[in-house]
Amino acid sequence: MRAPWTFVVLTLMGCGGTTLIVDSDTAWAGSVDAYGSISGRGNTTYDLGDAARSCWTVGKTTDAGTLRVYAKTSEWFGIGDVITGESTTSAPRGTVTGCAR
């Protein structure tokens, strides 16, 4: 009877993933390690999967607005989330950088 419980515990510990979240009210463009080029306008998310360490550089393509980028890693089937690499700018054509851990 021990084997099934061990499998369940190991499966739970291994679940999770990292999502890159772009929170913005303006246009932006940049790149993410192991993902490539990204661009858009407004809010969006990118699934980074189980990337152990993924870094990004994203910049506003306008003078106005605010850009906030961060990574959210879900742990234990979404019961807990860890936020990393959070950075915000409202500078004209400002750039943010960060890394997921």
N, C-alpha and C. Protein backbone atom coordinates (compact mmCIF):
# COMPACT_ATOMS: atom_id res chain seq x y z
N MET A 1 0.81 -1.21 0.00
CA MET A 1 0.00 0.00 0.00
C MET A 1 0.85 1.27 0.00
N ARG A 2 2.11 1.15 0.30
CA ARG A 2 2.95 2.33 0.36
C ARG A 2 3.25 2.92 -1.01
N ALA A 3 3.39 2.11 -2.00
CA ALA A 3 3.76 2.59 -3.32
C ALA A 3 2.77 3.60 -3.89
N PRO A 4 1.46 3.36 -3.84
CA PRO A 4 0.53 4.36 -4.40
C PRO A 4 0.63 5.71 -3.69
N TRP A 5 0.76 5.73 -2.38
CA TRP A 5 0.86 7.02 -1.66
C TRP A 5 2.15 7.74 -2.00
N THR A 6 3.23 6.99 -2.12
CA THR A 6 4.50 7.60 -2.50
C THR A 6 4.38 8.24 -3.88
N PHE A 7 3.73 7.55 -4.80
CA PHE A 7 3.54 8.10 -6.14
C PHE A 7 2.73 9.39 -6.10
N VAL A 8 1.66 9.40 -5.31
CA VAL A 8 0.80 10.59 -5.20
C VAL A 8 1.60 11.76 -4.63
N VAL A 9 2.36 11.54 -3.58
CA VAL A 9 3.14 12.61 -2.96
C VAL A 9 4.19 13.15 -3.93
N LEU A 10 4.90 12.27 -4.62
CA LEU A 10 5.91 12.72 -5.57
C LEU A 10 5.28 13.47 -6.74
N THR A 11 4.10 13.03 -7.18
CA THR A 11 3.39 13.72 -8.26
C THR A 11 2.98 15.11 -7.82
N LEU A 12 2.46 15.23 -6.62
CA LEU A 12 2.05 16.55 -6.10
C LEU A 12 3.24 17.49 -5.98
N MET A 13 4.36 16.99 -5.51
CA MET A 13 5.54 17.83 -5.34
C MET A 13 6.08 18.30 -6.68
N GLY A 14 5.93 17.51 -7.72
CA GLY A 14 6.48 17.85 -9.01
C GLY A 14 5.58 18.75 -9.85
N CYS A 15 4.35 18.95 -9.43
CA CYS A 15 3.42 19.73 -10.24
C CYS A 15 3.63 21.21 -10.06
N GLY A 16 3.31 21.94 -11.06
CA GLY A 16 3.47 23.38 -11.02
C GLY A 16 4.04 23.82 -12.35
N GLY A 17 4.14 25.08 -12.50
CA GLY A 17 4.69 25.63 -13.71
C GLY A 17 4.85 27.12 -13.53
N THR A 18 5.56 27.73 -14.44
CA THR A 18 5.81 29.16 -14.34
C THR A 18 5.12 29.89 -15.47
N THR A 19 4.46 30.98 -15.13
CA THR A 19 3.77 31.83 -16.08
C THR A 19 4.38 33.22 -16.03
N LEU A 20 4.73 33.75 -17.18
CA LEU A 20 5.19 35.14 -17.26
C LEU A 20 3.95 36.00 -17.46
N ILE A 21 3.80 37.02 -16.62
CA ILE A 21 2.62 37.88 -16.68
C ILE A 21 3.06 39.29 -17.06
N VAL A 22 2.47 39.80 -18.14
CA VAL A 22 2.70 41.17 -18.58
C VAL A 22 1.42 41.94 -18.24
N ASP A 23 1.55 42.94 -17.38
CA ASP A 23 0.43 43.75 -16.94
C ASP A 23 0.71 45.17 -17.42
N SER A 24 -0.02 45.62 -18.45
CA SER A 24 0.31 46.88 -19.09
C SER A 24 -0.92 47.56 -19.67
N ASP A 25 -0.84 48.87 -19.78
CA ASP A 25 -1.89 49.64 -20.44
C ASP A 25 -1.36 50.32 -21.70
N THR A 26 -0.29 49.75 -22.24
CA THR A 26 0.36 50.31 -23.42
C THR A 26 0.97 49.20 -24.27
N ALA A 27 1.58 49.55 -25.38
CA ALA A 27 2.25 48.59 -26.25
C ALA A 27 3.66 48.29 -25.72
N TRP A 28 4.13 47.08 -25.95
CA TRP A 28 5.43 46.64 -25.44
C TRP A 28 6.00 45.55 -26.35
N ALA A 29 7.30 45.31 -26.19
CA ALA A 29 7.99 44.25 -26.94
C ALA A 29 9.24 43.85 -26.18
N GLY A 30 9.68 42.61 -26.37
CA GLY A 30 10.88 42.15 -25.69
C GLY A 30 11.20 40.72 -26.03
N SER A 31 12.00 40.10 -25.15
CA SER A 31 12.37 38.70 -25.36
C SER A 31 12.48 37.99 -24.03
N VAL A 32 12.27 36.67 -24.10
CA VAL A 32 12.32 35.81 -22.92
C VAL A 32 13.22 34.63 -23.25
N ASP A 33 14.17 34.34 -22.35
CA ASP A 33 15.04 33.17 -22.53
C ASP A 33 14.19 31.93 -22.74
N ALA A 34 14.62 31.07 -23.61
CA ALA A 34 13.97 29.78 -23.88
C ALA A 34 12.54 29.94 -24.38
N TYR A 35 12.12 31.15 -24.72
CA TYR A 35 10.78 31.36 -25.28
C TYR A 35 10.88 32.14 -26.58
N GLY A 36 11.72 33.19 -26.59
CA GLY A 36 11.91 33.99 -27.79
C GLY A 36 11.30 35.37 -27.69
N SER A 37 11.02 35.96 -28.82
CA SER A 37 10.47 37.32 -28.88
C SER A 37 9.01 37.34 -28.48
N ILE A 38 8.64 38.41 -27.77
CA ILE A 38 7.24 38.62 -27.40
C ILE A 38 6.89 40.08 -27.69
N SER A 39 5.64 40.34 -27.97
CA SER A 39 5.18 41.72 -28.16
C SER A 39 3.67 41.74 -28.04
N GLY A 40 3.15 42.92 -27.75
CA GLY A 40 1.72 43.03 -27.63
C GLY A 40 1.30 44.38 -27.11
N ARG A 41 0.05 44.46 -26.74
CA ARG A 41 -0.52 45.66 -26.16
C ARG A 41 -1.48 45.22 -25.06
N GLY A 42 -1.34 45.80 -23.89
CA GLY A 42 -2.20 45.42 -22.78
C GLY A 42 -1.66 44.21 -22.03
N ASN A 43 -2.57 43.51 -21.36
CA ASN A 43 -2.20 42.39 -20.50
C ASN A 43 -2.16 41.07 -21.27
N THR A 44 -1.21 40.23 -20.89
CA THR A 44 -1.13 38.89 -21.47
C THR A 44 -0.29 38.00 -20.58
N THR A 45 -0.31 36.70 -20.85
CA THR A 45 0.50 35.75 -20.11
C THR A 45 1.20 34.81 -21.10
N TYR A 46 2.33 34.28 -20.67
CA TYR A 46 3.09 33.30 -21.44
C TYR A 46 3.44 32.14 -20.52
N ASP A 47 3.19 30.94 -20.99
CA ASP A 47 3.51 29.74 -20.22
C ASP A 47 4.98 29.42 -20.43
N LEU A 48 5.75 29.51 -19.36
CA LEU A 48 7.17 29.19 -19.43
C LEU A 48 7.44 27.75 -19.04
N GLY A 49 6.40 27.01 -18.69
CA GLY A 49 6.55 25.60 -18.33
C GLY A 49 7.35 25.44 -17.06
N ASP A 50 8.25 24.49 -17.07
CA ASP A 50 9.08 24.21 -15.90
C ASP A 50 10.47 24.81 -16.04
N ALA A 51 10.56 25.93 -16.73
CA ALA A 51 11.87 26.58 -16.92
C ALA A 51 12.48 26.88 -15.56
N ALA A 52 13.62 26.29 -15.29
CA ALA A 52 14.26 26.46 -13.99
C ALA A 52 14.65 27.91 -13.76
N ARG A 53 15.19 28.55 -14.77
CA ARG A 53 15.58 29.95 -14.64
C ARG A 53 15.42 30.59 -16.01
N SER A 54 14.43 31.42 -16.12
CA SER A 54 14.16 32.09 -17.38
C SER A 54 14.17 33.59 -17.12
N CYS A 55 14.93 34.32 -17.91
CA CYS A 55 15.03 35.77 -17.74
C CYS A 55 14.40 36.49 -18.92
N TRP A 56 14.02 37.75 -18.72
CA TRP A 56 13.37 38.53 -19.76
C TRP A 56 13.78 39.98 -19.72
N THR A 57 13.62 40.62 -20.86
CA THR A 57 13.76 42.06 -21.01
C THR A 57 12.59 42.51 -21.87
N VAL A 58 11.77 43.40 -21.33
CA VAL A 58 10.59 43.88 -22.03
C VAL A 58 10.57 45.39 -21.91
N GLY A 59 10.29 46.08 -23.02
CA GLY A 59 10.27 47.53 -23.01
C GLY A 59 8.99 48.09 -23.61
N LYS A 60 8.59 49.24 -23.11
CA LYS A 60 7.44 49.93 -23.69
C LYS A 60 7.83 50.47 -25.05
N THR A 61 6.90 50.46 -25.98
CA THR A 61 7.17 51.02 -27.30
C THR A 61 6.48 52.38 -27.45
N THR A 62 6.03 52.93 -26.33
CA THR A 62 5.37 54.23 -26.30
C THR A 62 5.95 55.07 -25.17
N ASP A 63 5.63 56.35 -25.18
CA ASP A 63 6.08 57.23 -24.10
C ASP A 63 5.16 57.17 -22.89
N ALA A 64 3.87 56.90 -23.10
CA ALA A 64 2.89 56.91 -22.02
C ALA A 64 2.62 55.50 -21.51
N GLY A 65 2.00 55.41 -20.35
CA GLY A 65 1.55 54.13 -19.81
C GLY A 65 2.52 53.51 -18.82
N THR A 66 2.07 52.37 -18.31
CA THR A 66 2.83 51.63 -17.30
C THR A 66 3.00 50.18 -17.75
N LEU A 67 4.16 49.61 -17.48
CA LEU A 67 4.48 48.23 -17.82
C LEU A 67 4.97 47.53 -16.57
N ARG A 68 4.33 46.42 -16.23
CA ARG A 68 4.74 45.59 -15.09
C ARG A 68 4.86 44.16 -15.60
N VAL A 69 5.99 43.52 -15.30
CA VAL A 69 6.23 42.14 -15.74
C VAL A 69 6.74 41.35 -14.55
N TYR A 70 6.21 40.13 -14.39
CA TYR A 70 6.66 39.26 -13.31
C TYR A 70 6.34 37.81 -13.65
N ALA A 71 6.97 36.91 -12.91
CA ALA A 71 6.72 35.48 -13.09
C ALA A 71 5.96 34.95 -11.89
N LYS A 72 5.01 34.06 -12.16
CA LYS A 72 4.25 33.42 -11.08
C LYS A 72 4.42 31.92 -11.24
N THR A 73 4.96 31.30 -10.21
CA THR A 73 5.16 29.85 -10.23
C THR A 73 4.14 29.21 -9.30
N SER A 74 3.32 28.32 -9.85
CA SER A 74 2.33 27.61 -9.05
C SER A 74 2.98 26.39 -8.43
N GLU A 75 2.65 26.16 -7.19
CA GLU A 75 3.16 25.00 -6.48
C GLU A 75 2.00 24.28 -5.83
N TRP A 76 2.11 22.96 -5.76
CA TRP A 76 1.08 22.14 -5.13
C TRP A 76 -0.28 22.37 -5.77
N PHE A 77 -0.36 22.21 -7.08
CA PHE A 77 -1.61 22.33 -7.83
C PHE A 77 -2.29 23.68 -7.63
N GLY A 78 -1.50 24.73 -7.55
CA GLY A 78 -2.08 26.06 -7.46
C GLY A 78 -2.46 26.51 -6.07
N ILE A 79 -2.19 25.69 -5.05
CA ILE A 79 -2.50 26.10 -3.68
C ILE A 79 -1.61 27.26 -3.27
N GLY A 80 -0.40 27.29 -3.75
CA GLY A 80 0.52 28.37 -3.43
C GLY A 80 1.17 28.91 -4.68
N ASP A 81 1.39 30.20 -4.73
CA ASP A 81 2.06 30.84 -5.85
C ASP A 81 3.26 31.63 -5.34
N VAL A 82 4.34 31.59 -6.10
CA VAL A 82 5.54 32.36 -5.77
C VAL A 82 5.74 33.37 -6.88
N ILE A 83 5.85 34.65 -6.51
CA ILE A 83 6.07 35.73 -7.47
C ILE A 83 7.56 36.07 -7.47
N THR A 84 8.17 36.11 -8.67
CA THR A 84 9.59 36.47 -8.78
C THR A 84 9.81 37.40 -9.95
N GLY A 85 10.91 38.11 -9.92
CA GLY A 85 11.34 38.94 -11.03
C GLY A 85 10.45 40.14 -11.32
N GLU A 86 9.69 40.58 -10.33
CA GLU A 86 8.74 41.68 -10.57
C GLU A 86 9.46 43.00 -10.80
N SER A 87 9.05 43.68 -11.86
CA SER A 87 9.63 44.97 -12.20
C SER A 87 8.57 45.82 -12.91
N THR A 88 8.56 47.13 -12.60
CA THR A 88 7.56 48.04 -13.16
C THR A 88 8.25 49.31 -13.65
N THR A 89 7.73 49.87 -14.76
CA THR A 89 8.22 51.16 -15.24
C THR A 89 7.06 51.97 -15.81
N SER A 90 7.14 53.27 -15.61
CA SER A 90 6.22 54.19 -16.26
C SER A 90 7.02 55.26 -17.01
N ALA A 91 8.33 55.04 -17.10
CA ALA A 91 9.20 55.96 -17.83
C ALA A 91 8.90 55.89 -19.33
N PRO A 92 9.06 56.99 -20.04
CA PRO A 92 8.87 56.96 -21.50
C PRO A 92 9.79 55.90 -22.13
N ARG A 93 9.21 54.97 -22.86
CA ARG A 93 9.93 53.87 -23.50
C ARG A 93 10.82 53.10 -22.52
N GLY A 94 10.34 53.01 -21.29
CA GLY A 94 11.08 52.32 -20.23
C GLY A 94 11.17 50.82 -20.45
N THR A 95 12.16 50.22 -19.82
CA THR A 95 12.43 48.80 -19.95
C THR A 95 12.46 48.14 -18.57
N VAL A 96 11.96 46.91 -18.51
CA VAL A 96 12.03 46.13 -17.28
C VAL A 96 12.76 44.83 -17.57
N THR A 97 13.44 44.31 -16.57
CA THR A 97 14.12 43.03 -16.68
C THR A 97 13.82 42.22 -15.44
N GLY A 98 13.91 40.93 -15.55
CA GLY A 98 13.70 40.06 -14.39
C GLY A 98 14.00 38.62 -14.75
N CYS A 99 13.95 37.78 -13.71
CA CYS A 99 14.20 36.36 -13.89
C CYS A 99 13.27 35.57 -12.99
N ALA A 100 12.79 34.44 -13.49
CA ALA A 100 12.04 33.50 -12.68
C ALA A 100 13.06 32.61 -12.00
N ARG A 101 12.74 32.18 -10.84
CA ARG A 101 13.68 31.26 -10.17
C ARG A 101 13.20 29.86 -10.21
